[in-house]
C-alpha atoms as a PDB file:
ATOM      1  CA  MET A   1     118.403 102.079  87.423  1.00  0.00           C
ATOM      2  CA  LEU A   2     117.518 105.776  87.547  1.00  0.00           C
ATOM      3  CA  THR A   3     119.521 108.819  88.596  1.00  0.00           C
ATOM      4  CA  VAL A   4     117.866 112.229  88.812  1.00  0.00           C
ATOM      5  CA  ASP A   5     120.477 114.949  89.124  1.00  0.00           C
ATOM      6  CA  HIS A   6     119.572 118.561  90.059  1.00  0.00           C
ATOM      7  CA  LEU A   7     116.383 118.581  87.998  1.00  0.00           C
ATOM      8  CA  SER A   8     114.603 121.940  87.605  1.00  0.00           C
ATOM      9  CA  LYS A   9     111.589 123.087  85.579  1.00  0.00           C
ATOM     10  CA  VAL A  10     109.933 126.509  85.274  1.00  0.00           C
ATOM     11  CA  PHE A  11     106.572 127.169  83.579  1.00  0.00           C
ATOM     12  CA  ASP A  12     105.053 130.422  82.354  1.00  0.00           C
ATOM     13  CA  THR A  13     101.787 131.077  84.193  1.00  0.00           C
ATOM     14  CA  GLY A  14     100.054 132.360  81.058  1.00  0.00           C
ATOM     15  CA  PRO A  15     100.639 133.720  77.528  1.00  0.00           C
ATOM     16  CA  PHE A  16     100.373 137.362  78.636  1.00  0.00           C
ATOM     17  CA  SER A  17     102.089 137.064  81.992  1.00  0.00           C
ATOM     18  CA  ARG A  18     105.723 137.523  82.879  1.00  0.00           C
ATOM     19  CA  LYS A  19     105.325 135.481  86.035  1.00  0.00           C
ATOM     20  CA  LYS A  20     107.054 132.135  86.275  1.00  0.00           C
ATOM     21  CA  THR A  21     106.191 129.064  88.322  1.00  0.00           C
ATOM     22  CA  GLU A  22     109.049 126.937  89.587  1.00  0.00           C
ATOM     23  CA  ALA A  23     107.535 123.477  89.300  1.00  0.00           C
ATOM     24  CA  LEU A  24     110.752 121.673  90.257  1.00  0.00           C
ATOM     25  CA  LYS A  25     113.777 123.042  92.090  1.00  0.00           C
ATOM     26  CA  GLU A  26     117.046 121.094  92.052  1.00  0.00           C
ATOM     27  CA  ILE A  27     115.517 117.628  92.519  1.00  0.00           C
ATOM     28  CA  SER A  28     118.027 114.808  93.001  1.00  0.00           C
ATOM     29  CA  PHE A  29     117.543 111.136  93.900  1.00  0.00           C
ATOM     30  CA  ASP A  30     118.454 107.597  92.822  1.00  0.00           C
ATOM     31  CA  LEU A  31     116.102 104.700  92.136  1.00  0.00           C
ATOM     32  CA  ASN A  32     117.425 101.177  92.633  1.00  0.00           C
ATOM     33  CA  ARG A  33     116.366  98.322  90.405  1.00  0.00           C
ATOM     34  CA  GLY A  34     113.538  96.332  92.007  1.00  0.00           C
ATOM     35  CA  GLU A  35     112.646  99.151  94.397  1.00  0.00           C
ATOM     36  CA  VAL A  36     109.317 100.920  94.915  1.00  0.00           C
ATOM     37  CA  LEU A  37     109.859 104.619  95.535  1.00  0.00           C
ATOM     38  CA  GLY A  38     106.849 106.545  96.791  1.00  0.00           C
ATOM     39  CA  ILE A  39     106.564 110.239  95.993  1.00  0.00           C
ATOM     40  CA  VAL A  40     104.015 112.135  98.076  1.00  0.00           C
ATOM     41  CA  GLY A  41     102.916 115.736  98.396  1.00  0.00           C
ATOM     42  CA  GLU A  42     100.002 118.098  98.112  1.00  0.00           C
ATOM     43  CA  SER A  43      98.512 119.227  94.799  1.00  0.00           C
ATOM     44  CA  GLY A  44     100.914 121.597  93.090  1.00  0.00           C
ATOM     45  CA  SER A  45     103.984 120.201  94.822  1.00  0.00           C
ATOM     46  CA  GLY A  46     105.583 119.100  91.530  1.00  0.00           C
ATOM     47  CA  LYS A  47     104.796 115.367  91.574  1.00  0.00           C
ATOM     48  CA  THR A  48     103.165 115.179  88.149  1.00  0.00           C
ATOM     49  CA  THR A  49     105.752 117.455  86.538  1.00  0.00           C
ATOM     50  CA  LEU A  50     108.445 115.105  87.818  1.00  0.00           C
ATOM     51  CA  ALA A  51     106.545 112.100  86.439  1.00  0.00           C
ATOM     52  CA  ASN A  52     106.149 113.741  83.023  1.00  0.00           C
ATOM     53  CA  ILE A  53     109.879 114.470  82.850  1.00  0.00           C
ATOM     54  CA  LEU A  54     110.743 110.894  83.807  1.00  0.00           C
ATOM     55  CA  LEU A  55     108.395 109.744  81.025  1.00  0.00           C
ATOM     56  CA  ARG A  56     110.161 112.132  78.648  1.00  0.00           C
ATOM     57  CA  ALA A  57     106.888 113.984  77.983  1.00  0.00           C
ATOM     58  CA  VAL A  58     108.312 117.252  79.378  1.00  0.00           C
ATOM     59  CA  THR A  59     111.858 118.555  78.930  1.00  0.00           C
ATOM     60  CA  PRO A  60     113.598 119.903  82.057  1.00  0.00           C
ATOM     61  CA  ASP A  61     115.229 123.336  82.049  1.00  0.00           C
ATOM     62  CA  SER A  62     118.320 122.032  83.805  1.00  0.00           C
ATOM     63  CA  GLY A  63     119.632 118.850  85.351  1.00  0.00           C
ATOM     64  CA  ARG A  64     119.870 115.290  84.048  1.00  0.00           C
ATOM     65  CA  VAL A  65     117.907 112.054  84.153  1.00  0.00           C
ATOM     66  CA  LEU A  66     120.010 108.929  83.639  1.00  0.00           C
ATOM     67  CA  PHE A  67     118.256 105.643  82.890  1.00  0.00           C
ATOM     68  CA  ASP A  68     120.739 102.772  83.145  1.00  0.00           C
ATOM     69  CA  GLY A  69     123.448 105.363  82.545  1.00  0.00           C
ATOM     70  CA  ASN A  70     121.790 106.839  79.424  1.00  0.00           C
ATOM     71  CA  ASP A  71     120.830 110.513  79.492  1.00  0.00           C
ATOM     72  CA  LEU A  72     117.101 110.620  78.620  1.00  0.00           C
ATOM     73  CA  PHE A  73     117.505 114.046  77.041  1.00  0.00           C
ATOM     74  CA  GLY A  74     121.025 113.690  75.625  1.00  0.00           C
ATOM     75  CA  LYS A  75     122.084 113.515  71.996  1.00  0.00           C
ATOM     76  CA  ASN A  76     122.437 109.718  72.096  1.00  0.00           C
ATOM     77  CA  ARG A  77     119.246 109.108  74.060  1.00  0.00           C
ATOM     78  CA  ILE A  78     117.324 105.847  73.996  1.00  0.00           C
ATOM     79  CA  PRO A  79     115.080 105.570  70.890  1.00  0.00           C
ATOM     80  CA  GLU A  80     111.430 106.287  71.646  1.00  0.00           C
ATOM     81  CA  ARG A  81     110.113 102.821  70.776  1.00  0.00           C
ATOM     82  CA  VAL A  82     112.711 101.149  72.999  1.00  0.00           C
ATOM     83  CA  PHE A  83     112.089 103.613  75.819  1.00  0.00           C
ATOM     84  CA  ARG A  84     108.296 103.109  75.748  1.00  0.00           C
ATOM     85  CA  LYS A  85     108.698  99.384  76.134  1.00  0.00           C
ATOM     86  CA  ARG A  86     111.030  99.791  79.091  1.00  0.00           C
ATOM     87  CA  VAL A  87     109.113 102.569  80.893  1.00  0.00           C
ATOM     88  CA  GLN A  88     105.323 102.632  81.207  1.00  0.00           C
ATOM     89  CA  MET A  89     102.761 104.686  83.137  1.00  0.00           C
ATOM     90  CA  ILE A  90      99.619 103.861  85.103  1.00  0.00           C
ATOM     91  CA  THR A  91      97.450 106.989  85.100  1.00  0.00           C
ATOM     92  CA  GLN A  92      94.844 108.202  87.571  1.00  0.00           C
ATOM     93  CA  ASN A  93      92.332 108.901  84.780  1.00  0.00           C
ATOM     94  CA  PHE A  94      91.932 105.249  83.896  1.00  0.00           C
ATOM     95  CA  SER A  95      88.535 105.807  82.236  1.00  0.00           C
ATOM     96  CA  ASP A  96      90.185 108.099  79.648  1.00  0.00           C
ATOM     97  CA  ALA A  97      93.087 105.726  79.040  1.00  0.00           C
ATOM     98  CA  LEU A  98      90.911 103.133  77.283  1.00  0.00           C
ATOM     99  CA  HIS A  99      89.210 103.826  73.941  1.00  0.00           C
ATOM    100  CA  PRO A 100      85.433 103.864  74.532  1.00  0.00           C
ATOM    101  CA  ASP A 101      84.705 101.920  71.339  1.00  0.00           C
ATOM    102  CA  MET A 102      87.286  99.200  71.919  1.00  0.00           C
ATOM    103  CA  THR A 103      86.645  95.987  73.792  1.00  0.00           C
ATOM    104  CA  VAL A 104      88.982  94.961  76.584  1.00  0.00           C
ATOM    105  CA  LEU A 105      90.602  92.462  74.210  1.00  0.00           C
ATOM    106  CA  GLU A 106      91.209  95.151  71.586  1.00  0.00           C
ATOM    107  CA  SER A 107      92.612  97.609  74.140  1.00  0.00           C
ATOM    108  CA  MET A 108      94.918  94.975  75.579  1.00  0.00           C
ATOM    109  CA  LYS A 109      96.275  94.126  72.128  1.00  0.00           C
ATOM    110  CA  GLU A 110      96.532  97.740  70.972  1.00  0.00           C
ATOM    111  CA  VAL A 111      99.475  98.566  73.236  1.00  0.00           C
ATOM    112  CA  HIS A 112     101.553  96.032  71.293  1.00  0.00           C
ATOM    113  CA  ARG A 113     101.167  98.038  68.052  1.00  0.00           C
ATOM    114  CA  LEU A 114     104.053 100.139  69.339  1.00  0.00           C
ATOM    115  CA  PHE A 115     106.338  97.192  68.665  1.00  0.00           C
ATOM    116  CA  GLY A 116     105.077  96.455  65.154  1.00  0.00           C
ATOM    117  CA  LYS A 117     102.301  94.596  63.347  1.00  0.00           C
ATOM    118  CA  LYS A 118     103.912  91.220  63.990  1.00  0.00           C
ATOM    119  CA  ALA A 119     103.900  91.730  67.753  1.00  0.00           C
ATOM    120  CA  TYR A 120     100.312  92.975  67.606  1.00  0.00           C
ATOM    121  CA  LYS A 121      98.969  90.121  65.498  1.00  0.00           C
ATOM    122  CA  SER A 122     100.764  87.433  67.484  1.00  0.00           C
ATOM    123  CA  ILE A 123      98.853  88.221  70.710  1.00  0.00           C
ATOM    124  CA  THR A 124      96.108  85.629  71.204  1.00  0.00           C
ATOM    125  CA  LYS A 125      92.853  85.832  73.123  1.00  0.00           C
ATOM    126  CA  GLU A 126      94.141  83.166  75.485  1.00  0.00           C
ATOM    127  CA  GLU A 127      97.258  85.192  76.277  1.00  0.00           C
ATOM    128  CA  VAL A 128      95.178  88.291  77.040  1.00  0.00           C
ATOM    129  CA  ALA A 129      92.845  86.237  79.232  1.00  0.00           C
ATOM    130  CA  GLY A 130      95.885  84.951  81.118  1.00  0.00           C
ATOM    131  CA  VAL A 131      97.114  88.470  81.846  1.00  0.00           C
ATOM    132  CA  LEU A 132      93.622  89.510  82.978  1.00  0.00           C
ATOM    133  CA  GLU A 133      93.610  86.556  85.344  1.00  0.00           C
ATOM    134  CA  THR A 134      96.768  87.869  87.042  1.00  0.00           C
ATOM    135  CA  VAL A 135      94.868  91.060  87.971  1.00  0.00           C
ATOM    136  CA  GLY A 136      91.807  89.189  89.201  1.00  0.00           C
ATOM    137  CA  LEU A 137      89.588  89.598  86.129  1.00  0.00           C
ATOM    138  CA  GLY A 138      87.768  86.847  84.251  1.00  0.00           C
ATOM    139  CA  GLU A 139      87.723  85.938  80.578  1.00  0.00           C
ATOM    140  CA  GLU A 140      84.102  87.101  80.358  1.00  0.00           C
ATOM    141  CA  LEU A 141      85.312  90.732  80.318  1.00  0.00           C
ATOM    142  CA  LEU A 142      87.268  90.340  77.078  1.00  0.00           C
ATOM    143  CA  PHE A 143      84.456  91.566  74.847  1.00  0.00           C
ATOM    144  CA  ARG A 144      83.115  94.299  77.116  1.00  0.00           C
ATOM    145  CA  ARG A 145      83.709  97.996  76.530  1.00  0.00           C
ATOM    146  CA  PRO A 146      84.805 100.535  79.170  1.00  0.00           C
ATOM    147  CA  VAL A 147      81.256 101.753  79.830  1.00  0.00           C
ATOM    148  CA  GLN A 148      80.350  98.209  80.920  1.00  0.00           C
ATOM    149  CA  LEU A 149      83.075  98.060  83.591  1.00  0.00           C
ATOM    150  CA  SER A 150      83.302  99.405  87.137  1.00  0.00           C
ATOM    151  CA  GLY A 151      86.048 101.814  88.195  1.00  0.00           C
ATOM    152  CA  GLY A 152      88.003  99.036  89.869  1.00  0.00           C
ATOM    153  CA  GLN A 153      87.714  96.818  86.797  1.00  0.00           C
ATOM    154  CA  LEU A 154      88.845  99.645  84.509  1.00  0.00           C
ATOM    155  CA  GLN A 155      91.922 100.257  86.639  1.00  0.00           C
ATOM    156  CA  ARG A 156      92.759  96.556  86.668  1.00  0.00           C
ATOM    157  CA  VAL A 157      92.477  96.393  82.875  1.00  0.00           C
ATOM    158  CA  LEU A 158      94.829  99.366  82.593  1.00  0.00           C
ATOM    159  CA  ILE A 159      97.308  97.733  84.984  1.00  0.00           C
ATOM    160  CA  ALA A 160      97.070  94.459  83.040  1.00  0.00           C
ATOM    161  CA  ARG A 161      97.732  96.291  79.779  1.00  0.00           C
ATOM    162  CA  VAL A 162     100.837  97.942  81.227  1.00  0.00           C
ATOM    163  CA  VAL A 163     102.358  94.791  82.728  1.00  0.00           C
ATOM    164  CA  SER A 164     101.587  92.749  79.594  1.00  0.00           C
ATOM    165  CA  ILE A 165     104.518  94.358  77.754  1.00  0.00           C
ATOM    166  CA  ARG A 166     106.867  93.617  80.675  1.00  0.00           C
ATOM    167  CA  PRO A 167     108.261  97.113  81.353  1.00  0.00           C
ATOM    168  CA  GLU A 168     111.288  97.502  83.592  1.00  0.00           C
ATOM    169  CA  LEU A 169     109.969 100.680  85.234  1.00  0.00           C
ATOM    170  CA  ILE A 170     106.348 101.596  85.949  1.00  0.00           C
ATOM    171  CA  ILE A 171     105.404 105.120  86.993  1.00  0.00           C
ATOM    172  CA  ALA A 172     102.046 105.041  88.775  1.00  0.00           C
ATOM    173  CA  ASP A 173     100.645 108.574  89.036  1.00  0.00           C
ATOM    174  CA  GLU A 174      97.806 108.679  91.597  1.00  0.00           C
ATOM    175  CA  PRO A 175      96.534 105.259  90.414  1.00  0.00           C
ATOM    176  CA  THR A 176      93.957 104.924  93.210  1.00  0.00           C
ATOM    177  CA  SER A 177      92.785 108.521  93.646  1.00  0.00           C
ATOM    178  CA  CYS A 178      89.506 107.980  91.747  1.00  0.00           C
ATOM    179  CA  LEU A 179      88.593 104.809  93.643  1.00  0.00           C
ATOM    180  CA  ASP A 180      86.817 104.301  96.944  1.00  0.00           C
ATOM    181  CA  THR A 181      88.699 103.182 100.051  1.00  0.00           C
ATOM    182  CA  SER A 182      88.062  99.438  99.827  1.00  0.00           C
ATOM    183  CA  VAL A 183      89.025  99.298  96.138  1.00  0.00           C
ATOM    184  CA  GLN A 184      92.167 101.351  96.818  1.00  0.00           C
ATOM    185  CA  ALA A 185      93.406  98.729  99.268  1.00  0.00           C
ATOM    186  CA  ARG A 186      92.770  95.944  96.752  1.00  0.00           C
ATOM    187  CA  ILE A 187      94.662  97.785  94.020  1.00  0.00           C
ATOM    188  CA  ILE A 188      97.626  98.293  96.359  1.00  0.00           C
ATOM    189  CA  ARG A 189      97.683  94.569  97.199  1.00  0.00           C
ATOM    190  CA  LEU A 190      97.437  93.797  93.476  1.00  0.00           C
ATOM    191  CA  LEU A 191     100.412  96.021  92.625  1.00  0.00           C
ATOM    192  CA  ILE A 192     102.453  94.394  95.386  1.00  0.00           C
ATOM    193  CA  SER A 193     101.712  90.900  94.046  1.00  0.00           C
ATOM    194  CA  LEU A 194     102.376  91.929  90.425  1.00  0.00           C
ATOM    195  CA  LYS A 195     105.722  93.427  91.379  1.00  0.00           C
ATOM    196  CA  GLU A 196     106.731  90.085  92.846  1.00  0.00           C
ATOM    197  CA  ALA A 197     105.477  88.212  89.768  1.00  0.00           C
ATOM    198  CA  TYR A 198     106.876  90.509  87.063  1.00  0.00           C
ATOM    199  CA  ALA A 199     109.919  91.925  88.916  1.00  0.00           C
ATOM    200  CA  PHE A 200     109.486  95.530  87.787  1.00  0.00           C
ATOM    201  CA  THR A 201     110.689  98.704  89.487  1.00  0.00           C
ATOM    202  CA  MET A 202     108.063 101.304  90.367  1.00  0.00           C
ATOM    203  CA  ILE A 203     107.597 104.949  91.258  1.00  0.00           C
ATOM    204  CA  PHE A 204     104.298 105.334  93.106  1.00  0.00           C
ATOM    205  CA  ILE A 205     103.007 108.930  93.169  1.00  0.00           C
ATOM    206  CA  SER A 206     100.216 109.966  95.529  1.00  0.00           C
ATOM    207  CA  HIS A 207      98.942 112.601  97.947  1.00  0.00           C
ATOM    208  CA  ASP A 208      98.021 109.736 100.319  1.00  0.00           C
ATOM    209  CA  VAL A 209     101.054 108.990 102.486  1.00  0.00           C
ATOM    210  CA  ALA A 210      99.299 106.064 104.173  1.00  0.00           C
ATOM    211  CA  LEU A 211      98.675 104.161 100.959  1.00  0.00           C
ATOM    212  CA  THR A 212     102.149 105.056  99.738  1.00  0.00           C
ATOM    213  CA  ALA A 213     103.743 103.650 102.878  1.00  0.00           C
ATOM    214  CA  ALA A 214     101.918 100.374 102.299  1.00  0.00           C
ATOM    215  CA  ILE A 215     103.638  99.739  98.989  1.00  0.00           C
ATOM    216  CA  SER A 216     106.915 101.697  99.015  1.00  0.00           C
ATOM    217  CA  ASP A 217     110.411 100.836 100.201  1.00  0.00           C
ATOM    218  CA  ARG A 218     111.283 104.525 100.446  1.00  0.00           C
ATOM    219  CA  ILE A 219     109.229 107.728 100.392  1.00  0.00           C
ATOM    220  CA  ALA A 220     110.172 111.135  98.989  1.00  0.00           C
ATOM    221  CA  VAL A 221     108.152 114.139 100.163  1.00  0.00           C
ATOM    222  CA  MET A 222     107.567 117.027  97.731  1.00  0.00           C
ATOM    223  CA  HIS A 223     106.692 120.593  98.748  1.00  0.00           C
ATOM    224  CA  ASN A 224     106.587 123.648  96.461  1.00  0.00           C
ATOM    225  CA  GLY A 225     108.735 121.951  93.850  1.00  0.00           C
ATOM    226  CA  CYS A 226     111.383 120.790  96.337  1.00  0.00           C
ATOM    227  CA  MET A 227     112.110 117.328  97.692  1.00  0.00           C
ATOM    228  CA  VAL A 228     112.141 118.094 101.401  1.00  0.00           C
ATOM    229  CA  GLU A 229     112.665 114.552 102.691  1.00  0.00           C
ATOM    230  CA  LEU A 230     113.681 111.151 101.381  1.00  0.00           C
ATOM    231  CA  GLY A 231     113.962 108.063 103.532  1.00  0.00           C
ATOM    232  CA  ASP A 232     112.783 104.606 104.490  1.00  0.00           C
ATOM    233  CA  SER A 233     108.975 104.423 104.425  1.00  0.00           C
ATOM    234  CA  ALA A 234     108.637 103.505 108.094  1.00  0.00           C
ATOM    235  CA  GLN A 235     111.023 106.278 109.119  1.00  0.00           C
ATOM    236  CA  VAL A 236     109.223 108.956 107.097  1.00  0.00           C
ATOM    237  CA  VAL A 237     105.834 107.942 108.501  1.00  0.00           C
ATOM    238  CA  LYS A 238     106.813 107.311 112.124  1.00  0.00           C
ATOM    239  CA  SER A 239     109.626 109.815 112.720  1.00  0.00           C
ATOM    240  CA  PRO A 240     109.872 112.384 109.915  1.00  0.00           C
ATOM    241  CA  ARG A 241     112.838 114.731 110.109  1.00  0.00           C
ATOM    242  CA  ASP A 242     111.534 117.721 108.136  1.00  0.00           C
ATOM    243  CA  ALA A 243     109.014 120.120 109.735  1.00  0.00           C
ATOM    244  CA  TYR A 244     106.764 120.161 106.668  1.00  0.00           C
ATOM    245  CA  THR A 245     106.830 116.357 106.479  1.00  0.00           C
ATOM    246  CA  ARG A 246     105.755 116.138 110.126  1.00  0.00           C
ATOM    247  CA  ARG A 247     102.762 118.390 109.458  1.00  0.00           C
ATOM    248  CA  PHE A 248     101.893 116.583 106.227  1.00  0.00           C
ATOM    249  CA  VAL A 249     102.095 113.112 107.762  1.00  0.00           C
ATOM    250  CA  GLN A 250     100.171 114.112 110.891  1.00  0.00           C
ATOM    251  CA  SER A 251      97.392 115.658 108.805  1.00  0.00           C
ATOM    252  CA  ALA A 252      97.222 112.564 106.597  1.00  0.00           C
ATOM    253  CA  MET A 253      97.169 110.165 109.541  1.00  0.00           C
ATOM    254  CA  ASP A 254      94.466 112.144 111.340  1.00  0.00           C
ATOM    255  CA  GLY A 255      92.232 111.625 108.329  1.00  0.00           C
ATOM    256  CA  PHE A 256      93.336 108.019 107.969  1.00  0.00           C
ATOM    257  CA  LEU A 257      92.566 106.834 111.510  1.00  0.00           C
ATOM    258  CA  PRO A 258      89.282 105.060 110.678  1.00  0.00           C
ATOM    259  CA  ARG A 259      91.231 102.845 108.253  1.00  0.00           C
ATOM    260  CA  LYS A 260      93.771 101.770 110.918  1.00  0.00           C
ATOM    261  CA  ASP A 261      97.508 101.471 110.451  1.00  0.00           C
ATOM    262  CA  PRO A 262      98.369 102.005 106.750  1.00  0.00           C
ATOM    263  CA  ILE A 263     101.191  99.503 106.891  1.00  0.00           C
ATOM    264  CA  CYS A 264      98.593  96.774 107.490  1.00  0.00           C
ATOM    265  CA  LEU A 265      97.367  97.217 103.915  1.00  0.00           C
ATOM    266  CA  ALA A 266     100.486  95.475 102.685  1.00  0.00           C
ATOM    267  CA  VAL A 267      99.802  92.320 104.696  1.00  0.00           C
END
């Protein structure tokens, strides 16, 4: 589905500075249709920059991104409206992703405006309630506003809104980072079940290698803008090959011990 070929991106550190920050350095990988690829790393490792390029929100300095063989930044690239239906994002700042004055019903319908007034107007309350049910939320939330929902409920509404337009690829950027431990596990289980139901492909981005291992088929490890390791989730967690990955995983697992084996979250 996706081919990332020698992707690089450099940012200026400030308007009056000549210093440059290499956010991404020659990143290459493939994403298979139906796969969940986890991307982990510390803050500043380049994860979000990579996500923004894949979403076509940031233009790379060099390299290519091919989506079903189409260059996302080429002259004959996929039209924006078509691309937005095929590729969607689940953000970590879920409370900012929903308009504070809109009800859940209004927010769920709003995403369909991208595809025209007819698509927007054809969405019924019953259809929205059905999508909410798939993420474990009841019809009684339809007329509530974001301030009336818990963090876990807000994230589930955002996930429901994304899956309601049936994207082929979902990029989840730190989708559980603002939630407590017990809610994180529930969101991971929810994403696993939704993937089976809706058959989408996903890139799951996180600093938490344990949670990432619970949902991903493969894991890529980012460090200082480089992809230092890419492999099967179990292999990366249990027997990492790269020295940085070994330190990163060991540090993560030391802090994760009270929550037991991360792979158990997927059961």
